[in-house]
Amino acid sequence: MELRQALQHVGFPAWIVDPEGRFVWQNDAAVEALGDVRGRLYPTIVAPAYRAFVREQFTRKLLGQQRTDFAVELLTPDGSTVPVEVSSVRLEARDGMIQGIFGLAAIEETRRQTSPRNHPLTERQAEVLRLLAAGCSTTQIAVKMGISVETVRNHVRPLLRKLGAHSRLEAVALARREGMLPDPHQ
């Protein structure tokens, strides 16, 4: 089975946008969640509050960053929003020229029972959370904070527990929803 055909049946919404940001392919799950958006520009499916942030992530990939992971809200065909965690990668030709961007979204089906407000973060955990929200990797956080990679991980684990999150992206999404992080678009 060809890769594109196999991806057509993956249970998570997946898509490819061209270097101009126009959807050129989407799998069945993406059509079900977002409607047929082929030919549209990617910001048109993102909740307005996240559009500048998503443009920044797109630009990072155009400038050479291989992968970006982030949490945003996407617009559904009925106009409502759905929180998702997006992981996207740069698609390159053999000569290194960008061909497009492949994205995959994990739709958050349920809200967490544990509210982050019940668990105040330490100053270091809050700083790690802000850097995660900015899209920094573990290594980048270590460099920015002047600590080791293992120390970053030692801050991340209790941070995730306090927020009731299973992943770094989910932690950022929960923290944004609870007002623990500033709106990245203001």
N, C-alpha and C. Protein backbone atom coordinates (compact mmCIF):
# COMPACT_ATOMS: atom_id res chain seq x y z
N MET A 1 0.85 -1.18 0.00
CA MET A 1 0.00 0.00 0.00
C MET A 1 0.90 1.24 0.00
N GLU A 2 0.60 2.18 -0.84
CA GLU A 2 1.34 3.43 -0.94
C GLU A 2 1.14 4.25 0.34
N LEU A 3 2.17 5.04 0.71
CA LEU A 3 2.13 5.82 1.94
C LEU A 3 0.93 6.75 1.99
N ARG A 4 0.69 7.51 0.93
CA ARG A 4 -0.43 8.45 0.94
C ARG A 4 -1.76 7.72 1.12
N GLN A 5 -1.90 6.57 0.48
CA GLN A 5 -3.13 5.77 0.61
C GLN A 5 -3.28 5.28 2.05
N ALA A 6 -2.18 4.84 2.66
CA ALA A 6 -2.22 4.38 4.05
C ALA A 6 -2.60 5.54 4.98
N LEU A 7 -2.01 6.71 4.76
CA LEU A 7 -2.32 7.88 5.60
C LEU A 7 -3.77 8.32 5.46
N GLN A 8 -4.37 8.02 4.33
CA GLN A 8 -5.77 8.40 4.10
C GLN A 8 -6.68 7.79 5.17
N HIS A 9 -6.27 6.66 5.73
CA HIS A 9 -7.12 5.94 6.68
C HIS A 9 -6.67 6.05 8.13
N VAL A 10 -5.64 6.85 8.39
CA VAL A 10 -5.20 7.06 9.78
C VAL A 10 -6.33 7.74 10.54
N GLY A 11 -6.50 7.38 11.82
CA GLY A 11 -7.62 7.89 12.61
C GLY A 11 -7.50 9.32 13.09
N PHE A 12 -6.35 9.96 12.90
CA PHE A 12 -6.16 11.35 13.29
C PHE A 12 -6.18 12.23 12.05
N PRO A 13 -6.74 13.44 12.16
CA PRO A 13 -6.71 14.34 11.01
C PRO A 13 -5.27 14.61 10.56
N ALA A 14 -5.03 14.46 9.26
CA ALA A 14 -3.71 14.71 8.68
C ALA A 14 -3.90 15.49 7.39
N TRP A 15 -2.88 16.30 7.05
CA TRP A 15 -2.99 17.13 5.85
C TRP A 15 -1.60 17.49 5.34
N ILE A 16 -1.57 17.99 4.13
CA ILE A 16 -0.37 18.56 3.55
C ILE A 16 -0.74 19.92 3.00
N VAL A 17 0.09 20.92 3.33
CA VAL A 17 -0.08 22.25 2.75
C VAL A 17 1.15 22.54 1.91
N ASP A 18 0.97 23.31 0.85
CA ASP A 18 2.09 23.67 0.00
C ASP A 18 2.88 24.82 0.64
N PRO A 19 4.02 25.20 0.08
CA PRO A 19 4.83 26.26 0.69
C PRO A 19 4.13 27.61 0.80
N GLU A 20 3.04 27.80 0.07
CA GLU A 20 2.27 29.04 0.19
C GLU A 20 1.22 28.95 1.30
N GLY A 21 1.07 27.75 1.87
CA GLY A 21 0.12 27.58 2.96
C GLY A 21 -1.26 27.10 2.53
N ARG A 22 -1.38 26.59 1.34
CA ARG A 22 -2.66 26.12 0.81
C ARG A 22 -2.76 24.60 0.99
N PHE A 23 -3.92 24.13 1.48
CA PHE A 23 -4.13 22.70 1.65
C PHE A 23 -4.17 22.01 0.28
N VAL A 24 -3.32 20.99 0.13
CA VAL A 24 -3.30 20.24 -1.13
C VAL A 24 -3.75 18.80 -0.93
N TRP A 25 -3.79 18.34 0.31
CA TRP A 25 -4.24 16.98 0.60
C TRP A 25 -4.72 16.92 2.05
N GLN A 26 -5.73 16.11 2.29
CA GLN A 26 -6.15 15.83 3.66
C GLN A 26 -6.72 14.42 3.70
N ASN A 27 -6.57 13.76 4.84
CA ASN A 27 -7.08 12.40 4.94
C ASN A 27 -8.56 12.41 5.35
N ASP A 28 -9.15 11.22 5.42
CA ASP A 28 -10.58 11.10 5.74
C ASP A 28 -10.92 11.72 7.09
N ALA A 29 -10.05 11.49 8.10
CA ALA A 29 -10.32 12.04 9.44
C ALA A 29 -10.30 13.57 9.43
N ALA A 30 -9.45 14.17 8.61
CA ALA A 30 -9.40 15.63 8.52
C ALA A 30 -10.66 16.16 7.85
N VAL A 31 -11.13 15.48 6.82
CA VAL A 31 -12.37 15.90 6.15
C VAL A 31 -13.53 15.80 7.13
N GLU A 32 -13.57 14.72 7.91
CA GLU A 32 -14.65 14.55 8.89
C GLU A 32 -14.63 15.64 9.96
N ALA A 33 -13.43 15.99 10.44
CA ALA A 33 -13.31 16.98 11.52
C ALA A 33 -13.43 18.42 11.05
N LEU A 34 -12.88 18.72 9.86
CA LEU A 34 -12.74 20.11 9.41
C LEU A 34 -13.51 20.43 8.14
N GLY A 35 -14.07 19.42 7.49
CA GLY A 35 -14.68 19.63 6.19
C GLY A 35 -13.59 19.56 5.13
N ASP A 36 -13.99 19.64 3.88
CA ASP A 36 -13.02 19.62 2.79
C ASP A 36 -12.41 21.01 2.67
N VAL A 37 -11.15 21.14 3.05
CA VAL A 37 -10.49 22.44 3.05
C VAL A 37 -9.42 22.54 1.96
N ARG A 38 -9.36 21.56 1.08
CA ARG A 38 -8.36 21.61 0.00
C ARG A 38 -8.54 22.89 -0.82
N GLY A 39 -7.41 23.54 -1.09
CA GLY A 39 -7.42 24.79 -1.83
C GLY A 39 -7.48 26.02 -0.94
N ARG A 40 -7.85 25.84 0.32
CA ARG A 40 -7.91 26.97 1.26
C ARG A 40 -6.57 27.18 1.94
N LEU A 41 -6.34 28.39 2.42
CA LEU A 41 -5.13 28.69 3.18
C LEU A 41 -5.30 28.19 4.62
N TYR A 42 -4.22 27.67 5.19
CA TYR A 42 -4.29 27.06 6.52
C TYR A 42 -4.84 27.98 7.61
N PRO A 43 -4.58 29.29 7.63
CA PRO A 43 -5.12 30.10 8.73
C PRO A 43 -6.65 30.12 8.77
N THR A 44 -7.30 29.79 7.65
CA THR A 44 -8.77 29.84 7.63
C THR A 44 -9.41 28.74 8.46
N ILE A 45 -8.64 27.73 8.89
CA ILE A 45 -9.22 26.67 9.73
C ILE A 45 -8.83 26.83 11.19
N VAL A 46 -8.07 27.88 11.50
CA VAL A 46 -7.59 28.11 12.85
C VAL A 46 -8.44 29.18 13.52
N ALA A 47 -8.79 28.97 14.79
CA ALA A 47 -9.53 29.98 15.55
C ALA A 47 -8.76 31.30 15.49
N PRO A 48 -9.45 32.42 15.33
CA PRO A 48 -8.78 33.71 15.15
C PRO A 48 -7.71 34.02 16.21
N ALA A 49 -7.92 33.63 17.44
CA ALA A 49 -6.96 33.94 18.49
C ALA A 49 -5.61 33.25 18.29
N TYR A 50 -5.56 32.23 17.46
CA TYR A 50 -4.33 31.46 17.26
C TYR A 50 -3.68 31.69 15.90
N ARG A 51 -4.26 32.51 15.06
CA ARG A 51 -3.76 32.64 13.69
C ARG A 51 -2.34 33.18 13.61
N ALA A 52 -2.02 34.20 14.36
CA ALA A 52 -0.65 34.74 14.31
C ALA A 52 0.35 33.71 14.82
N PHE A 53 -0.02 33.01 15.86
CA PHE A 53 0.85 31.97 16.41
C PHE A 53 1.11 30.88 15.37
N VAL A 54 0.06 30.43 14.67
CA VAL A 54 0.20 29.37 13.68
C VAL A 54 1.03 29.86 12.49
N ARG A 55 0.86 31.12 12.11
CA ARG A 55 1.68 31.68 11.03
C ARG A 55 3.16 31.64 11.42
N GLU A 56 3.44 31.94 12.69
CA GLU A 56 4.82 31.90 13.18
C GLU A 56 5.38 30.48 13.08
N GLN A 57 4.60 29.48 13.46
CA GLN A 57 5.05 28.08 13.37
C GLN A 57 5.30 27.69 11.91
N PHE A 58 4.42 28.12 11.02
CA PHE A 58 4.57 27.85 9.59
C PHE A 58 5.86 28.48 9.07
N THR A 59 6.10 29.71 9.44
CA THR A 59 7.30 30.43 9.00
C THR A 59 8.55 29.74 9.50
N ARG A 60 8.52 29.23 10.74
CA ARG A 60 9.68 28.50 11.26
C ARG A 60 10.04 27.33 10.35
N LYS A 61 9.03 26.61 9.89
CA LYS A 61 9.29 25.48 9.01
C LYS A 61 9.79 25.96 7.64
N LEU A 62 9.24 27.04 7.14
CA LEU A 62 9.72 27.56 5.85
C LEU A 62 11.19 27.96 5.95
N LEU A 63 11.60 28.42 7.13
CA LEU A 63 12.98 28.86 7.32
C LEU A 63 13.93 27.73 7.70
N GLY A 64 13.41 26.51 7.79
CA GLY A 64 14.30 25.38 8.01
C GLY A 64 14.04 24.50 9.20
N GLN A 65 13.20 24.94 10.16
CA GLN A 65 12.92 24.07 11.30
C GLN A 65 12.17 22.85 10.81
N GLN A 66 12.64 21.67 11.17
CA GLN A 66 12.07 20.44 10.65
C GLN A 66 10.69 20.13 11.23
N ARG A 67 10.48 20.42 12.52
CA ARG A 67 9.24 20.01 13.18
C ARG A 67 8.80 21.08 14.17
N THR A 68 7.50 21.28 14.25
CA THR A 68 6.93 22.11 15.31
C THR A 68 5.75 21.37 15.91
N ASP A 69 5.61 21.46 17.22
CA ASP A 69 4.50 20.87 17.96
C ASP A 69 3.85 21.98 18.77
N PHE A 70 2.53 22.06 18.73
CA PHE A 70 1.86 23.13 19.45
C PHE A 70 0.39 22.77 19.64
N ALA A 71 -0.25 23.49 20.55
CA ALA A 71 -1.67 23.31 20.82
C ALA A 71 -2.42 24.56 20.36
N VAL A 72 -3.52 24.36 19.63
CA VAL A 72 -4.35 25.45 19.14
C VAL A 72 -5.81 25.00 19.12
N GLU A 73 -6.67 25.86 18.66
CA GLU A 73 -8.06 25.49 18.42
C GLU A 73 -8.34 25.65 16.93
N LEU A 74 -8.95 24.62 16.36
CA LEU A 74 -9.32 24.66 14.95
C LEU A 74 -10.81 24.89 14.81
N LEU A 75 -11.21 25.44 13.68
CA LEU A 75 -12.62 25.69 13.39
C LEU A 75 -13.24 24.47 12.72
N THR A 76 -14.40 24.07 13.18
CA THR A 76 -15.12 22.96 12.57
C THR A 76 -16.09 23.52 11.53
N PRO A 77 -16.65 22.66 10.67
CA PRO A 77 -17.57 23.16 9.64
C PRO A 77 -18.77 23.94 10.19
N ASP A 78 -19.20 23.63 11.43
CA ASP A 78 -20.35 24.35 12.00
C ASP A 78 -19.95 25.66 12.68
N GLY A 79 -18.66 26.01 12.62
CA GLY A 79 -18.20 27.28 13.19
C GLY A 79 -17.72 27.18 14.62
N SER A 80 -17.88 26.01 15.26
CA SER A 80 -17.38 25.86 16.63
C SER A 80 -15.88 25.58 16.56
N THR A 81 -15.26 25.58 17.73
CA THR A 81 -13.82 25.30 17.77
C THR A 81 -13.58 24.00 18.51
N VAL A 82 -12.45 23.39 18.18
CA VAL A 82 -12.04 22.16 18.84
C VAL A 82 -10.56 22.28 19.19
N PRO A 83 -10.21 22.02 20.48
CA PRO A 83 -8.80 22.08 20.85
C PRO A 83 -8.05 20.87 20.28
N VAL A 84 -6.87 21.12 19.74
CA VAL A 84 -6.06 20.05 19.15
C VAL A 84 -4.60 20.26 19.51
N GLU A 85 -3.87 19.18 19.45
CA GLU A 85 -2.41 19.22 19.51
C GLU A 85 -1.95 18.91 18.09
N VAL A 86 -1.13 19.78 17.53
CA VAL A 86 -0.66 19.62 16.15
C VAL A 86 0.83 19.33 16.16
N SER A 87 1.21 18.35 15.38
CA SER A 87 2.62 18.09 15.12
C SER A 87 2.78 18.17 13.61
N SER A 88 3.72 18.99 13.18
CA SER A 88 3.89 19.15 11.73
C SER A 88 5.37 19.11 11.38
N VAL A 89 5.63 18.61 10.19
CA VAL A 89 7.01 18.47 9.72
C VAL A 89 7.16 19.06 8.33
N ARG A 90 8.35 19.49 8.06
CA ARG A 90 8.72 20.06 6.77
C ARG A 90 8.94 18.92 5.78
N LEU A 91 8.37 19.02 4.60
CA LEU A 91 8.57 18.03 3.54
C LEU A 91 9.55 18.63 2.53
N GLU A 92 10.66 17.93 2.34
CA GLU A 92 11.71 18.46 1.46
C GLU A 92 11.98 17.51 0.30
N ALA A 93 12.38 18.09 -0.80
CA ALA A 93 12.88 17.31 -1.93
C ALA A 93 14.31 16.89 -1.61
N ARG A 94 14.85 16.02 -2.41
CA ARG A 94 16.22 15.55 -2.19
C ARG A 94 17.23 16.70 -2.15
N ASP A 95 16.95 17.78 -2.88
CA ASP A 95 17.87 18.92 -2.91
C ASP A 95 17.69 19.87 -1.72
N GLY A 96 16.79 19.52 -0.79
CA GLY A 96 16.58 20.33 0.41
C GLY A 96 15.53 21.41 0.24
N MET A 97 14.99 21.58 -0.95
CA MET A 97 13.96 22.60 -1.18
C MET A 97 12.65 22.13 -0.55
N ILE A 98 11.94 23.06 0.08
CA ILE A 98 10.69 22.70 0.73
C ILE A 98 9.61 22.41 -0.30
N GLN A 99 8.92 21.30 -0.10
CA GLN A 99 7.83 20.89 -0.98
C GLN A 99 6.48 21.19 -0.34
N GLY A 100 6.46 21.22 0.98
CA GLY A 100 5.22 21.46 1.70
C GLY A 100 5.40 21.12 3.17
N ILE A 101 4.29 21.05 3.86
CA ILE A 101 4.31 20.73 5.29
C ILE A 101 3.22 19.70 5.55
N PHE A 102 3.61 18.64 6.25
CA PHE A 102 2.67 17.60 6.65
C PHE A 102 2.29 17.86 8.10
N GLY A 103 0.99 17.85 8.39
CA GLY A 103 0.52 18.06 9.75
C GLY A 103 -0.40 16.95 10.20
N LEU A 104 -0.37 16.68 11.49
CA LEU A 104 -1.21 15.67 12.11
C LEU A 104 -1.78 16.28 13.39
N ALA A 105 -3.08 16.10 13.62
CA ALA A 105 -3.72 16.70 14.79
C ALA A 105 -4.34 15.63 15.68
N ALA A 106 -4.12 15.77 16.98
CA ALA A 106 -4.79 14.94 17.96
C ALA A 106 -5.89 15.81 18.56
N ILE A 107 -7.12 15.43 18.33
CA ILE A 107 -8.26 16.21 18.82
C ILE A 107 -8.51 15.87 20.28
N GLU A 108 -8.61 16.90 21.10
CA GLU A 108 -8.89 16.70 22.52
C GLU A 108 -10.39 16.47 22.68
N GLU A 109 -10.75 15.24 22.99
CA GLU A 109 -12.17 14.88 23.09
C GLU A 109 -12.80 15.29 24.41
N THR A 110 -12.05 15.22 25.48
CA THR A 110 -12.62 15.51 26.80
C THR A 110 -11.75 16.50 27.53
N ARG A 111 -12.35 17.23 28.41
CA ARG A 111 -11.62 18.17 29.27
C ARG A 111 -11.13 17.41 30.49
N ARG A 112 -10.01 17.81 31.04
CA ARG A 112 -9.47 17.19 32.24
C ARG A 112 -10.31 17.55 33.45
N GLN A 113 -10.43 16.59 34.37
CA GLN A 113 -11.15 16.84 35.62
C GLN A 113 -10.34 17.75 36.54
N THR A 114 -9.02 17.59 36.55
CA THR A 114 -8.15 18.36 37.42
C THR A 114 -7.92 19.74 36.83
N SER A 115 -8.20 20.75 37.59
CA SER A 115 -7.97 22.10 37.13
C SER A 115 -6.56 22.54 37.52
N PRO A 116 -5.79 23.10 36.58
CA PRO A 116 -4.45 23.57 36.92
C PRO A 116 -4.46 24.61 38.03
N ARG A 117 -5.54 25.35 38.18
CA ARG A 117 -5.58 26.38 39.22
C ARG A 117 -5.45 25.81 40.62
N ASN A 118 -5.76 24.52 40.75
CA ASN A 118 -5.66 23.88 42.06
C ASN A 118 -4.23 23.53 42.42
N HIS A 119 -3.31 23.68 41.50
CA HIS A 119 -1.94 23.25 41.71
C HIS A 119 -0.97 24.34 41.26
N PRO A 120 -0.66 25.29 42.14
CA PRO A 120 0.25 26.36 41.72
C PRO A 120 1.61 25.79 41.35
N LEU A 121 2.19 26.37 40.31
CA LEU A 121 3.49 25.93 39.82
C LEU A 121 4.61 26.66 40.53
N THR A 122 5.77 26.01 40.62
CA THR A 122 6.94 26.70 41.12
C THR A 122 7.37 27.71 40.06
N GLU A 123 8.24 28.61 40.45
CA GLU A 123 8.73 29.62 39.50
C GLU A 123 9.42 28.95 38.32
N ARG A 124 10.22 27.93 38.57
CA ARG A 124 10.94 27.23 37.50
C ARG A 124 9.96 26.47 36.60
N GLN A 125 8.95 25.82 37.18
CA GLN A 125 7.96 25.11 36.37
C GLN A 125 7.20 26.09 35.48
N ALA A 126 6.87 27.26 36.02
CA ALA A 126 6.17 28.27 35.22
C ALA A 126 7.06 28.74 34.06
N GLU A 127 8.36 28.90 34.33
CA GLU A 127 9.28 29.31 33.26
C GLU A 127 9.38 28.23 32.19
N VAL A 128 9.47 26.97 32.60
CA VAL A 128 9.52 25.85 31.64
C VAL A 128 8.24 25.84 30.82
N LEU A 129 7.10 26.03 31.47
CA LEU A 129 5.82 26.05 30.76
C LEU A 129 5.79 27.15 29.71
N ARG A 130 6.27 28.34 30.05
CA ARG A 130 6.30 29.45 29.08
C ARG A 130 7.19 29.10 27.88
N LEU A 131 8.31 28.46 28.14
CA LEU A 131 9.21 28.09 27.05
C LEU A 131 8.62 26.96 26.20
N LEU A 132 7.92 26.02 26.84
CA LEU A 132 7.22 24.98 26.08
C LEU A 132 6.18 25.62 25.17
N ALA A 133 5.46 26.59 25.70
CA ALA A 133 4.42 27.28 24.92
C ALA A 133 5.03 28.04 23.75
N ALA A 134 6.28 28.46 23.89
CA ALA A 134 6.98 29.16 22.81
C ALA A 134 7.53 28.20 21.77
N GLY A 135 7.34 26.89 22.01
CA GLY A 135 7.78 25.90 21.04
C GLY A 135 9.21 25.41 21.23
N CYS A 136 9.79 25.68 22.38
CA CYS A 136 11.18 25.28 22.63
C CYS A 136 11.29 23.79 22.92
N SER A 137 12.37 23.20 22.45
CA SER A 137 12.68 21.80 22.75
C SER A 137 13.31 21.72 24.14
N THR A 138 13.49 20.50 24.62
CA THR A 138 14.15 20.31 25.92
C THR A 138 15.54 20.94 25.91
N THR A 139 16.29 20.71 24.85
CA THR A 139 17.64 21.27 24.75
C THR A 139 17.60 22.80 24.72
N GLN A 140 16.69 23.36 23.96
CA GLN A 140 16.58 24.83 23.90
C GLN A 140 16.22 25.41 25.26
N ILE A 141 15.33 24.73 25.99
CA ILE A 141 14.95 25.20 27.33
C ILE A 141 16.17 25.16 28.24
N ALA A 142 16.93 24.07 28.17
CA ALA A 142 18.13 23.94 29.00
C ALA A 142 19.10 25.09 28.75
N VAL A 143 19.32 25.41 27.48
CA VAL A 143 20.23 26.50 27.13
C VAL A 143 19.70 27.84 27.64
N LYS A 144 18.43 28.11 27.40
CA LYS A 144 17.84 29.40 27.80
C LYS A 144 17.83 29.58 29.32
N MET A 145 17.62 28.47 30.05
CA MET A 145 17.56 28.56 31.50
C MET A 145 18.91 28.33 32.17
N GLY A 146 19.91 27.92 31.40
CA GLY A 146 21.24 27.67 31.95
C GLY A 146 21.28 26.45 32.86
N ILE A 147 20.51 25.43 32.52
CA ILE A 147 20.46 24.20 33.32
C ILE A 147 20.66 23.01 32.38
N SER A 148 20.80 21.83 32.95
CA SER A 148 21.02 20.64 32.13
C SER A 148 19.71 20.15 31.54
N VAL A 149 19.82 19.34 30.50
CA VAL A 149 18.66 18.73 29.87
C VAL A 149 17.90 17.87 30.89
N GLU A 150 18.64 17.14 31.71
CA GLU A 150 17.99 16.28 32.72
C GLU A 150 17.23 17.13 33.75
N THR A 151 17.77 18.29 34.11
CA THR A 151 17.07 19.17 35.05
C THR A 151 15.78 19.69 34.43
N VAL A 152 15.81 19.98 33.14
CA VAL A 152 14.58 20.40 32.45
C VAL A 152 13.55 19.28 32.58
N ARG A 153 13.96 18.05 32.30
CA ARG A 153 13.04 16.91 32.41
C ARG A 153 12.51 16.77 33.84
N ASN A 154 13.37 17.07 34.82
CA ASN A 154 12.94 17.00 36.22
C ASN A 154 11.93 18.08 36.56
N HIS A 155 11.89 19.15 35.82
CA HIS A 155 10.86 20.19 36.00
C HIS A 155 9.59 19.81 35.23
N VAL A 156 9.76 19.19 34.06
CA VAL A 156 8.61 18.87 33.20
C VAL A 156 7.72 17.80 33.84
N ARG A 157 8.32 16.74 34.39
CA ARG A 157 7.50 15.64 34.94
C ARG A 157 6.52 16.11 36.00
N PRO A 158 6.96 16.84 37.04
CA PRO A 158 5.98 17.30 38.03
C PRO A 158 5.01 18.35 37.46
N LEU A 159 5.48 19.12 36.48
CA LEU A 159 4.61 20.09 35.81
C LEU A 159 3.44 19.37 35.16
N LEU A 160 3.73 18.29 34.43
CA LEU A 160 2.66 17.53 33.79
C LEU A 160 1.71 16.94 34.83
N ARG A 161 2.26 16.41 35.91
CA ARG A 161 1.40 15.85 36.97
C ARG A 161 0.49 16.92 37.56
N LYS A 162 1.06 18.09 37.87
CA LYS A 162 0.27 19.16 38.46
C LYS A 162 -0.87 19.61 37.55
N LEU A 163 -0.61 19.61 36.25
CA LEU A 163 -1.63 20.06 35.31
C LEU A 163 -2.58 18.94 34.90
N GLY A 164 -2.26 17.70 35.27
CA GLY A 164 -3.09 16.57 34.87
C GLY A 164 -2.97 16.30 33.38
N ALA A 165 -1.79 16.56 32.83
CA ALA A 165 -1.56 16.42 31.39
C ALA A 165 -0.72 15.18 31.10
N HIS A 166 -0.93 14.61 29.92
CA HIS A 166 -0.17 13.45 29.49
C HIS A 166 1.00 13.81 28.59
N SER A 167 1.00 15.02 28.06
CA SER A 167 2.07 15.44 27.15
C SER A 167 2.36 16.92 27.37
N ARG A 168 3.47 17.34 26.84
CA ARG A 168 3.85 18.75 26.93
C ARG A 168 2.84 19.63 26.20
N LEU A 169 2.40 19.17 25.04
CA LEU A 169 1.42 19.94 24.27
C LEU A 169 0.11 20.07 25.03
N GLU A 170 -0.31 18.99 25.65
CA GLU A 170 -1.54 19.04 26.43
C GLU A 170 -1.39 19.98 27.61
N ALA A 171 -0.21 20.00 28.23
CA ALA A 171 0.04 20.92 29.35
C ALA A 171 -0.11 22.37 28.90
N VAL A 172 0.44 22.68 27.73
CA VAL A 172 0.33 24.05 27.20
C VAL A 172 -1.12 24.39 26.91
N ALA A 173 -1.85 23.46 26.30
CA ALA A 173 -3.26 23.71 25.98
C ALA A 173 -4.07 23.93 27.25
N LEU A 174 -3.86 23.09 28.25
CA LEU A 174 -4.59 23.24 29.52
C LEU A 174 -4.24 24.56 30.20
N ALA A 175 -2.96 24.89 30.21
CA ALA A 175 -2.53 26.13 30.85
C ALA A 175 -3.11 27.35 30.14
N ARG A 176 -3.16 27.32 28.81
CA ARG A 176 -3.76 28.44 28.07
C ARG A 176 -5.24 28.58 28.40
N ARG A 177 -5.93 27.44 28.41
CA ARG A 177 -7.36 27.45 28.69
C ARG A 177 -7.66 27.99 30.09
N GLU A 178 -6.76 27.69 31.04
CA GLU A 178 -6.96 28.13 32.42
C GLU A 178 -6.41 29.52 32.69
N GLY A 179 -5.87 30.17 31.67
CA GLY A 179 -5.37 31.53 31.84
C GLY A 179 -4.00 31.60 32.51
N MET A 180 -3.28 30.49 32.56
CA MET A 180 -1.96 30.47 33.18
C MET A 180 -0.89 30.99 32.23
N LEU A 181 -1.20 31.06 30.95
CA LEU A 181 -0.28 31.57 29.94
C LEU A 181 -0.94 32.73 29.23
N PRO A 182 -0.18 33.75 28.87
CA PRO A 182 -0.77 34.86 28.12
C PRO A 182 -1.19 34.40 26.73
N ASP A 183 -2.16 35.08 26.17
CA ASP A 183 -2.59 34.80 24.80
C ASP A 183 -1.42 35.15 23.89
N PRO A 184 -0.95 34.18 23.08
CA PRO A 184 0.22 34.45 22.24
C PRO A 184 -0.03 35.46 21.13
N HIS A 185 -1.24 35.90 20.98
CA HIS A 185 -1.60 36.77 19.86
C HIS A 185 -1.92 38.18 20.28
N GLN A 186 -1.65 38.50 21.51
CA GLN A 186 -1.95 39.86 21.96
C GLN A 186 -0.69 40.64 22.19
